[in-house]
C-alpha cells in the first residue's frame, strides 16, 4: 500500500517530523511518501496563509496520484484545501483534523483541541462544527507560532503544556487532540505526562487512509466531489487548469 502525505507549508523540517510520526504507526507493508509543498508560506497560520498554500498542495496531490499513491493525507490541521483535493483526486484524501476528531470520538465523550495561534482557533471551531463534534470538543490556542515548536530556545512546548493542563481542568477534557502537524513528535511524551489519551492527527490519518484503501473505498465522484469542469485558467494559475494539472 502506498500513502502520500503532503505538508502544505514549505518547511521541510516539519515534513520530516510528520513522516516520522506516520512511519511509526503505518503497517509494515505500507509505503509512506512524505513531501513538502514547492510553493506557498513556510507555515499556515490563518485564512490568508491557507489560501496560498492550496495551489502547491494540489500540485503535489496530482503528482503523487500519478506516481501510484493509493491515498493522500493533507498534513495541516486546518484541513487546508481538503475539498478541492477530493474533487481533483481519484484516490481517497484524508485531512488530519477530521481523522483526529473521528478517532478521538471513539475513546472520549469530551475532548479539547490544543492548537498554536489564537487566529487558528476560530477556523478550527468551524471544522469542529462541520464534523459534527460541537458539544463534545472545545478548541484552545497556546498562542505560539508554528515554527517555534522546532526552536529549542523557545518556550513553546511549556506554553503548550500549560494549555493542556487548563483544558483538563476547565474543560473537563477526557482526551487531548494536538492541533498542529508540527506537534506530532510530542504525542507519547504528553500522554505519559498528563495521563490521558493524546491524539496526533497525522497518525490518525494514516490509519484512516489504510482502512479506506483496504476497503477499496474512494471519494464519491458525483455531486460535491465530482471532477473539476475543464475550463481555461488565466494568468499565474494557467497551469492549474484541471486538464493540465491532471496530466502533469
C-alpha atoms as a PDB file:
ATOM      1  CA  UNK A   1       0.000   0.000   0.000  1.00  0.00           C
ATOM      2  CA  UNK A   2       1.335   3.435  -0.922  1.00  0.00           C
ATOM      3  CA  UNK A   3       0.201   6.522   1.001  1.00  0.00           C
ATOM      4  CA  UNK A   4       1.197  10.069   0.082  1.00  0.00           C
ATOM      5  CA  UNK A   5       1.449  12.688   2.838  1.00  0.00           C
ATOM      6  CA  UNK A   6       1.617  16.320   1.756  1.00  0.00           C
ATOM      7  CA  UNK A   7       2.871  19.027   4.075  1.00  0.00           C
ATOM      8  CA  UNK A   8       1.155  22.062   2.520  1.00  0.00           C
ATOM      9  CA  UNK A   9       3.640  24.506   4.014  1.00  0.00           C
ATOM     10  CA  UNK A  10       7.181  24.826   2.673  1.00  0.00           C
ATOM     11  CA  UNK A  11       9.167  23.887   5.806  1.00  0.00           C
ATOM     12  CA  UNK A  12      10.999  20.634   5.096  1.00  0.00           C
ATOM     13  CA  UNK A  13      11.987  20.021   8.729  1.00  0.00           C
ATOM     14  CA  UNK A  14       8.301  19.858   9.648  1.00  0.00           C
ATOM     15  CA  UNK A  15       7.772  17.322   6.871  1.00  0.00           C
ATOM     16  CA  UNK A  16      10.439  15.159   8.490  1.00  0.00           C
ATOM     17  CA  UNK A  17       8.572  15.259  11.820  1.00  0.00           C
ATOM     18  CA  UNK A  18       5.340  14.350  10.033  1.00  0.00           C
ATOM     19  CA  UNK A  19       6.996  11.464   8.156  1.00  0.00           C
ATOM     20  CA  UNK A  20       8.438  10.034  11.371  1.00  0.00           C
ATOM     21  CA  UNK A  21       5.041  10.067  13.078  1.00  0.00           C
ATOM     22  CA  UNK A  22       3.411   8.419  10.082  1.00  0.00           C
ATOM     23  CA  UNK A  23       6.055   5.725   9.714  1.00  0.00           C
ATOM     24  CA  UNK A  24       5.816   4.727  13.376  1.00  0.00           C
ATOM     25  CA  UNK A  25       2.146   3.753  13.090  1.00  0.00           C
ATOM     26  CA  UNK A  26       1.952   2.538   9.484  1.00  0.00           C
ATOM     27  CA  UNK A  27       1.582  -1.149   8.717  1.00  0.00           C
ATOM     28  CA  UNK A  28       4.796  -2.907   7.726  1.00  0.00           C
ATOM     29  CA  UNK A  29       3.587  -3.225   4.136  1.00  0.00           C
ATOM     30  CA  UNK A  30       2.597   0.451   3.871  1.00  0.00           C
ATOM     31  CA  UNK A  31       4.956   2.735   1.986  1.00  0.00           C
ATOM     32  CA  UNK A  32       4.854   6.319   3.232  1.00  0.00           C
ATOM     33  CA  UNK A  33       5.929   9.114   0.898  1.00  0.00           C
ATOM     34  CA  UNK A  34       6.026  12.493   2.648  1.00  0.00           C
ATOM     35  CA  UNK A  35       6.540  15.584   0.516  1.00  0.00           C
ATOM     36  CA  UNK A  36       6.862  19.308   1.142  1.00  0.00           C
ATOM     37  CA  UNK A  37       4.906  21.789  -0.956  1.00  0.00           C
ATOM     38  CA  UNK A  38       7.079  23.541  -3.509  1.00  0.00           C
ATOM     39  CA  UNK A  39       5.294  26.870  -3.158  1.00  0.00           C
ATOM     40  CA  UNK A  40       3.477  28.857  -0.509  1.00  0.00           C
ATOM     41  CA  UNK A  41       4.020  30.004   3.091  1.00  0.00           C
ATOM     42  CA  UNK A  42       6.575  28.490   5.482  1.00  0.00           C
ATOM     43  CA  UNK A  43       3.755  27.932   7.972  1.00  0.00           C
ATOM     44  CA  UNK A  44      -0.024  28.116   7.824  1.00  0.00           C
ATOM     45  CA  UNK A  45      -1.410  30.471  10.431  1.00  0.00           C
ATOM     46  CA  UNK A  46      -4.801  31.792   9.440  1.00  0.00           C
ATOM     47  CA  UNK A  47      -7.007  32.168   6.387  1.00  0.00           C
ATOM     48  CA  UNK A  48      -4.557  34.140   4.245  1.00  0.00           C
ATOM     49  CA  UNK A  49      -1.742  31.596   4.548  1.00  0.00           C
ATOM     50  CA  UNK A  50      -4.220  28.795   3.955  1.00  0.00           C
ATOM     51  CA  UNK A  51      -5.423  30.260   0.660  1.00  0.00           C
ATOM     52  CA  UNK A  52      -1.908  30.500  -0.771  1.00  0.00           C
ATOM     53  CA  UNK A  53      -0.973  27.004   0.414  1.00  0.00           C
ATOM     54  CA  UNK A  54      -3.674  25.335  -1.693  1.00  0.00           C
ATOM     55  CA  UNK A  55      -2.072  25.531  -5.191  1.00  0.00           C
ATOM     56  CA  UNK A  56       1.147  23.841  -4.079  1.00  0.00           C
ATOM     57  CA  UNK A  57      -0.851  21.221  -2.186  1.00  0.00           C
ATOM     58  CA  UNK A  58      -2.951  20.359  -5.239  1.00  0.00           C
ATOM     59  CA  UNK A  59       0.159  20.105  -7.398  1.00  0.00           C
ATOM     60  CA  UNK A  60       1.686  17.532  -5.019  1.00  0.00           C
ATOM     61  CA  UNK A  61      -1.583  15.562  -4.804  1.00  0.00           C
ATOM     62  CA  UNK A  62      -1.750  15.359  -8.600  1.00  0.00           C
ATOM     63  CA  UNK A  63       1.909  14.286  -8.857  1.00  0.00           C
ATOM     64  CA  UNK A  64       1.531  11.721  -6.080  1.00  0.00           C
ATOM     65  CA  UNK A  65      -1.548  10.122  -7.591  1.00  0.00           C
ATOM     66  CA  UNK A  66       0.176   9.877 -10.964  1.00  0.00           C
ATOM     67  CA  UNK A  67       3.171   8.220  -9.239  1.00  0.00           C
ATOM     68  CA  UNK A  68       0.936   5.497  -7.813  1.00  0.00           C
ATOM     69  CA  UNK A  69      -0.219   6.700  -4.400  1.00  0.00           C
ATOM     70  CA  UNK A  70      -3.382   4.878  -3.305  1.00  0.00           C
ATOM     71  CA  UNK A  71      -4.425   7.517  -0.756  1.00  0.00           C
ATOM     72  CA  UNK A  72      -3.318  11.014   0.204  1.00  0.00           C
ATOM     73  CA  UNK A  73      -3.143  12.825   3.540  1.00  0.00           C
ATOM     74  CA  UNK A  74      -3.127  16.601   3.993  1.00  0.00           C
ATOM     75  CA  UNK A  75      -0.830  17.253   6.951  1.00  0.00           C
ATOM     76  CA  UNK A  76      -2.197  20.571   8.164  1.00  0.00           C
ATOM     77  CA  UNK A  77      -4.717  20.669  10.989  1.00  0.00           C
ATOM     78  CA  UNK A  78      -6.784  23.297   9.165  1.00  0.00           C
ATOM     79  CA  UNK A  79      -7.547  20.544   6.617  1.00  0.00           C
ATOM     80  CA  UNK A  80      -6.202  23.014   4.086  1.00  0.00           C
ATOM     81  CA  UNK A  81      -7.629  22.533   0.595  1.00  0.00           C
ATOM     82  CA  UNK A  82      -9.332  19.277   1.557  1.00  0.00           C
ATOM     83  CA  UNK A  83     -12.489  19.745  -0.513  1.00  0.00           C
ATOM     84  CA  UNK A  84     -10.533  20.888  -3.582  1.00  0.00           C
ATOM     85  CA  UNK A  85      -8.155  17.930  -3.256  1.00  0.00           C
ATOM     86  CA  UNK A  86     -11.032  15.476  -3.029  1.00  0.00           C
ATOM     87  CA  UNK A  87     -12.553  16.943  -6.174  1.00  0.00           C
ATOM     88  CA  UNK A  88      -9.219  16.739  -8.003  1.00  0.00           C
ATOM     89  CA  UNK A  89      -8.081  13.275  -6.951  1.00  0.00           C
ATOM     90  CA  UNK A  90      -9.450   9.853  -7.787  1.00  0.00           C
ATOM     91  CA  UNK A  91      -7.890   8.383  -4.633  1.00  0.00           C
ATOM     92  CA  UNK A  92      -9.195   8.981  -1.095  1.00  0.00           C
ATOM     93  CA  UNK A  93      -7.872  12.159   0.550  1.00  0.00           C
ATOM     94  CA  UNK A  94      -7.821  12.414   4.351  1.00  0.00           C
ATOM     95  CA  UNK A  95      -7.480  15.582   6.436  1.00  0.00           C
ATOM     96  CA  UNK A  96      -5.686  15.248   9.762  1.00  0.00           C
ATOM     97  CA  UNK A  97      -8.254  17.292  11.698  1.00  0.00           C
ATOM     98  CA  UNK A  98     -11.173  15.171  10.518  1.00  0.00           C
ATOM     99  CA  UNK A  99      -9.219  11.973  11.162  1.00  0.00           C
ATOM    100  CA  UNK A 100      -8.171  13.082  14.646  1.00  0.00           C
ATOM    101  CA  UNK A 101     -11.699  14.067  15.693  1.00  0.00           C
ATOM    102  CA  UNK A 102     -13.216  10.870  14.320  1.00  0.00           C
ATOM    103  CA  UNK A 103     -10.638   8.735  16.131  1.00  0.00           C
ATOM    104  CA  UNK A 104     -10.941  10.602  19.430  1.00  0.00           C
ATOM    105  CA  UNK A 105     -14.726  10.300  19.361  1.00  0.00           C
ATOM    106  CA  UNK A 106     -14.314   6.532  19.758  1.00  0.00           C
ATOM    107  CA  UNK A 107     -12.478   6.898  23.064  1.00  0.00           C
ATOM    108  CA  UNK A 108     -13.759  10.036  24.787  1.00  0.00           C
ATOM    109  CA  UNK A 109     -17.004  11.927  25.215  1.00  0.00           C
ATOM    110  CA  UNK A 110     -15.306  15.263  25.905  1.00  0.00           C
ATOM    111  CA  UNK A 111     -12.057  16.361  24.376  1.00  0.00           C
ATOM    112  CA  UNK A 112     -10.125  19.517  23.580  1.00  0.00           C
ATOM    113  CA  UNK A 113      -8.030  20.516  20.592  1.00  0.00           C
ATOM    114  CA  UNK A 114      -4.953  22.483  21.649  1.00  0.00           C
ATOM    115  CA  UNK A 115      -3.596  24.395  18.689  1.00  0.00           C
ATOM    116  CA  UNK A 116      -0.926  27.018  18.083  1.00  0.00           C
ATOM    117  CA  UNK A 117      -2.100  30.556  17.287  1.00  0.00           C
ATOM    118  CA  UNK A 118      -5.236  32.287  18.522  1.00  0.00           C
ATOM    119  CA  UNK A 119      -6.048  33.210  14.912  1.00  0.00           C
ATOM    120  CA  UNK A 120      -6.340  29.482  14.177  1.00  0.00           C
ATOM    121  CA  UNK A 121      -8.870  28.819  16.931  1.00  0.00           C
ATOM    122  CA  UNK A 122     -11.993  30.051  15.125  1.00  0.00           C
ATOM    123  CA  UNK A 123     -11.235  28.192  11.859  1.00  0.00           C
ATOM    124  CA  UNK A 124     -10.848  25.013  13.913  1.00  0.00           C
ATOM    125  CA  UNK A 125     -14.112  25.688  15.721  1.00  0.00           C
ATOM    126  CA  UNK A 126     -15.738  25.852  12.286  1.00  0.00           C
ATOM    127  CA  UNK A 127     -14.232  22.440  11.461  1.00  0.00           C
ATOM    128  CA  UNK A 128     -15.464  21.013  14.761  1.00  0.00           C
ATOM    129  CA  UNK A 129     -18.974  22.115  13.783  1.00  0.00           C
ATOM    130  CA  UNK A 130     -18.592  20.788  10.242  1.00  0.00           C
ATOM    131  CA  UNK A 131     -17.513  17.381  11.521  1.00  0.00           C
ATOM    132  CA  UNK A 132     -20.421  17.141  13.954  1.00  0.00           C
ATOM    133  CA  UNK A 133     -18.414  17.430  17.164  1.00  0.00           C
ATOM    134  CA  UNK A 134     -19.915  20.627  18.596  1.00  0.00           C
ATOM    135  CA  UNK A 135     -20.818  19.980  22.230  1.00  0.00           C
ATOM    136  CA  UNK A 136     -18.108  17.344  22.615  1.00  0.00           C
ATOM    137  CA  UNK A 137     -14.997  19.213  21.514  1.00  0.00           C
ATOM    138  CA  UNK A 138     -13.549  22.571  22.546  1.00  0.00           C
ATOM    139  CA  UNK A 139     -10.646  24.404  20.940  1.00  0.00           C
ATOM    140  CA  UNK A 140      -7.850  26.191  22.784  1.00  0.00           C
ATOM    141  CA  UNK A 141      -4.825  28.068  21.471  1.00  0.00           C
ATOM    142  CA  UNK A 142      -1.473  28.181  23.236  1.00  0.00           C
ATOM    143  CA  UNK A 143      -0.739  31.316  21.164  1.00  0.00           C
ATOM    144  CA  UNK A 144       2.594  30.057  19.912  1.00  0.00           C
ATOM    145  CA  UNK A 145       3.934  30.432  16.352  1.00  0.00           C
ATOM    146  CA  UNK A 146       4.002  27.138  14.457  1.00  0.00           C
ATOM    147  CA  UNK A 147       7.735  27.243  13.754  1.00  0.00           C
ATOM    148  CA  UNK A 148       8.542  27.941  17.422  1.00  0.00           C
ATOM    149  CA  UNK A 149       7.777  24.268  18.064  1.00  0.00           C
ATOM    150  CA  UNK A 150      11.063  23.484  16.312  1.00  0.00           C
ATOM    151  CA  UNK A 151      13.083  26.098  18.245  1.00  0.00           C
ATOM    152  CA  UNK A 152      14.741  24.542  21.323  1.00  0.00           C
ATOM    153  CA  UNK A 153      15.270  28.025  22.776  1.00  0.00           C
ATOM    154  CA  UNK A 154      11.575  28.983  22.715  1.00  0.00           C
ATOM    155  CA  UNK A 155       9.056  28.361  25.476  1.00  0.00           C
ATOM    156  CA  UNK A 156       6.510  26.968  23.007  1.00  0.00           C
ATOM    157  CA  UNK A 157       6.362  23.490  24.476  1.00  0.00           C
ATOM    158  CA  UNK A 158       5.950  24.842  28.010  1.00  0.00           C
ATOM    159  CA  UNK A 159       3.044  27.008  26.843  1.00  0.00           C
ATOM    160  CA  UNK A 160       1.524  24.008  25.091  1.00  0.00           C
ATOM    161  CA  UNK A 161       1.733  22.009  28.310  1.00  0.00           C
ATOM    162  CA  UNK A 162       0.139  24.848  30.248  1.00  0.00           C
ATOM    163  CA  UNK A 163      -2.802  24.994  27.834  1.00  0.00           C
ATOM    164  CA  UNK A 164      -3.278  21.225  28.044  1.00  0.00           C
ATOM    165  CA  UNK A 165      -3.378  21.447  31.836  1.00  0.00           C
ATOM    166  CA  UNK A 166      -6.010  24.186  31.574  1.00  0.00           C
ATOM    167  CA  UNK A 167      -8.101  22.088  29.182  1.00  0.00           C
ATOM    168  CA  UNK A 168      -8.052  19.132  31.549  1.00  0.00           C
ATOM    169  CA  UNK A 169      -9.026  21.326  34.491  1.00  0.00           C
ATOM    170  CA  UNK A 170     -11.519  23.781  32.993  1.00  0.00           C
ATOM    171  CA  UNK A 171     -12.968  21.847  30.038  1.00  0.00           C
ATOM    172  CA  UNK A 172     -13.032  18.536  31.921  1.00  0.00           C
ATOM    173  CA  UNK A 173     -11.419  17.087  28.808  1.00  0.00           C
ATOM    174  CA  UNK A 174     -11.000  13.323  28.768  1.00  0.00           C
ATOM    175  CA  UNK A 175      -8.544  13.398  25.866  1.00  0.00           C
ATOM    176  CA  UNK A 176      -6.379  15.965  24.096  1.00  0.00           C
ATOM    177  CA  UNK A 177      -6.067  16.433  20.341  1.00  0.00           C
ATOM    178  CA  UNK A 178      -2.865  18.109  19.156  1.00  0.00           C
ATOM    179  CA  UNK A 179      -3.969  20.806  16.727  1.00  0.00           C
ATOM    180  CA  UNK A 180      -0.866  21.085  14.558  1.00  0.00           C
ATOM    181  CA  UNK A 181       1.077  18.586  12.465  1.00  0.00           C
ATOM    182  CA  UNK A 182       4.270  20.067  13.916  1.00  0.00           C
ATOM    183  CA  UNK A 183       3.295  18.627  17.321  1.00  0.00           C
ATOM    184  CA  UNK A 184       3.295  15.042  16.019  1.00  0.00           C
ATOM    185  CA  UNK A 185       6.505  14.083  17.831  1.00  0.00           C
ATOM    186  CA  UNK A 186       5.074  15.044  21.247  1.00  0.00           C
ATOM    187  CA  UNK A 187       2.190  12.576  21.426  1.00  0.00           C
ATOM    188  CA  UNK A 188       3.699   9.828  23.571  1.00  0.00           C
ATOM    189  CA  UNK A 189       5.539  12.260  25.846  1.00  0.00           C
ATOM    190  CA  UNK A 190       2.441  14.341  26.585  1.00  0.00           C
ATOM    191  CA  UNK A 191       0.233  11.292  27.011  1.00  0.00           C
ATOM    192  CA  UNK A 192       2.570   9.890  29.642  1.00  0.00           C
ATOM    193  CA  UNK A 193       2.904  13.252  31.381  1.00  0.00           C
ATOM    194  CA  UNK A 194      -0.811  14.039  31.649  1.00  0.00           C
ATOM    195  CA  UNK A 195      -2.203  10.515  31.928  1.00  0.00           C
ATOM    196  CA  UNK A 196      -4.877  10.947  29.225  1.00  0.00           C
ATOM    197  CA  UNK A 197      -5.080   9.892  25.568  1.00  0.00           C
ATOM    198  CA  UNK A 198      -3.263  12.384  23.346  1.00  0.00           C
ATOM    199  CA  UNK A 199      -4.187  12.120  19.667  1.00  0.00           C
ATOM    200  CA  UNK A 200      -1.956  13.165  16.774  1.00  0.00           C
ATOM    201  CA  UNK A 201      -3.857  13.827  13.564  1.00  0.00           C
ATOM    202  CA  UNK A 202      -1.060  12.557  11.324  1.00  0.00           C
ATOM    203  CA  UNK A 203      -1.058   9.119  12.943  1.00  0.00           C
ATOM    204  CA  UNK A 204      -4.857   9.001  12.968  1.00  0.00           C
ATOM    205  CA  UNK A 205      -4.981   9.927   9.281  1.00  0.00           C
ATOM    206  CA  UNK A 206      -2.534   7.159   8.346  1.00  0.00           C
ATOM    207  CA  UNK A 207      -4.750   4.528   9.937  1.00  0.00           C
ATOM    208  CA  UNK A 208      -7.870   6.010   8.328  1.00  0.00           C
ATOM    209  CA  UNK A 209      -6.167   6.052   4.931  1.00  0.00           C
ATOM    210  CA  UNK A 210      -5.028   2.453   5.317  1.00  0.00           C
ATOM    211  CA  UNK A 211      -8.569   1.417   6.191  1.00  0.00           C
ATOM    212  CA  UNK A 212     -10.065   3.164   3.149  1.00  0.00           C
ATOM    213  CA  UNK A 213      -7.571   1.550   0.790  1.00  0.00           C
ATOM    214  CA  UNK A 214      -8.083  -1.881   2.376  1.00  0.00           C
ATOM    215  CA  UNK A 215     -11.848  -1.497   1.985  1.00  0.00           C
ATOM    216  CA  UNK A 216     -11.465  -0.468  -1.644  1.00  0.00           C
ATOM    217  CA  UNK A 217     -13.188   2.868  -0.990  1.00  0.00           C
ATOM    218  CA  UNK A 218     -12.515   6.234  -2.550  1.00  0.00           C
ATOM    219  CA  UNK A 219     -14.171   9.622  -2.737  1.00  0.00           C
ATOM    220  CA  UNK A 220     -17.555   9.757  -4.445  1.00  0.00           C
ATOM    221  CA  UNK A 221     -17.160  11.442  -7.826  1.00  0.00           C
ATOM    222  CA  UNK A 222     -20.681  12.727  -8.227  1.00  0.00           C
ATOM    223  CA  UNK A 223     -22.139  15.838  -6.654  1.00  0.00           C
ATOM    224  CA  UNK A 224     -19.841  17.907  -4.456  1.00  0.00           C
ATOM    225  CA  UNK A 225     -16.641  15.993  -5.253  1.00  0.00           C
ATOM    226  CA  UNK A 226     -17.244  15.499  -8.976  1.00  0.00           C
ATOM    227  CA  UNK A 227     -14.110  16.075 -11.023  1.00  0.00           C
ATOM    228  CA  UNK A 228     -13.484  19.761 -11.813  1.00  0.00           C
ATOM    229  CA  UNK A 229     -15.016  21.103 -15.018  1.00  0.00           C
ATOM    230  CA  UNK A 230     -12.366  21.670 -17.652  1.00  0.00           C
ATOM    231  CA  UNK A 231     -12.095  25.364 -18.479  1.00  0.00           C
ATOM    232  CA  UNK A 232      -9.289  27.839 -19.165  1.00  0.00           C
ATOM    233  CA  UNK A 233      -7.387  29.281 -16.206  1.00  0.00           C
ATOM    234  CA  UNK A 234      -5.524  32.508 -16.859  1.00  0.00           C
ATOM    235  CA  UNK A 235      -2.521  34.376 -15.542  1.00  0.00           C
ATOM    236  CA  UNK A 236      -0.255  32.800 -12.920  1.00  0.00           C
ATOM    237  CA  UNK A 237      -2.725  29.948 -12.408  1.00  0.00           C
ATOM    238  CA  UNK A 238      -2.846  28.862 -16.047  1.00  0.00           C
ATOM    239  CA  UNK A 239      -1.025  25.602 -15.277  1.00  0.00           C
ATOM    240  CA  UNK A 240      -3.711  24.725 -12.698  1.00  0.00           C
ATOM    241  CA  UNK A 241      -6.389  24.292 -15.341  1.00  0.00           C
ATOM    242  CA  UNK A 242      -7.848  20.899 -14.302  1.00  0.00           C
ATOM    243  CA  UNK A 243      -6.999  19.186 -17.574  1.00  0.00           C
ATOM    244  CA  UNK A 244      -3.381  20.331 -17.411  1.00  0.00           C
ATOM    245  CA  UNK A 245      -2.915  19.577 -13.703  1.00  0.00           C
ATOM    246  CA  UNK A 246      -4.242  16.066 -14.042  1.00  0.00           C
ATOM    247  CA  UNK A 247      -1.829  15.442 -16.926  1.00  0.00           C
ATOM    248  CA  UNK A 248       1.236  16.945 -15.241  1.00  0.00           C
END
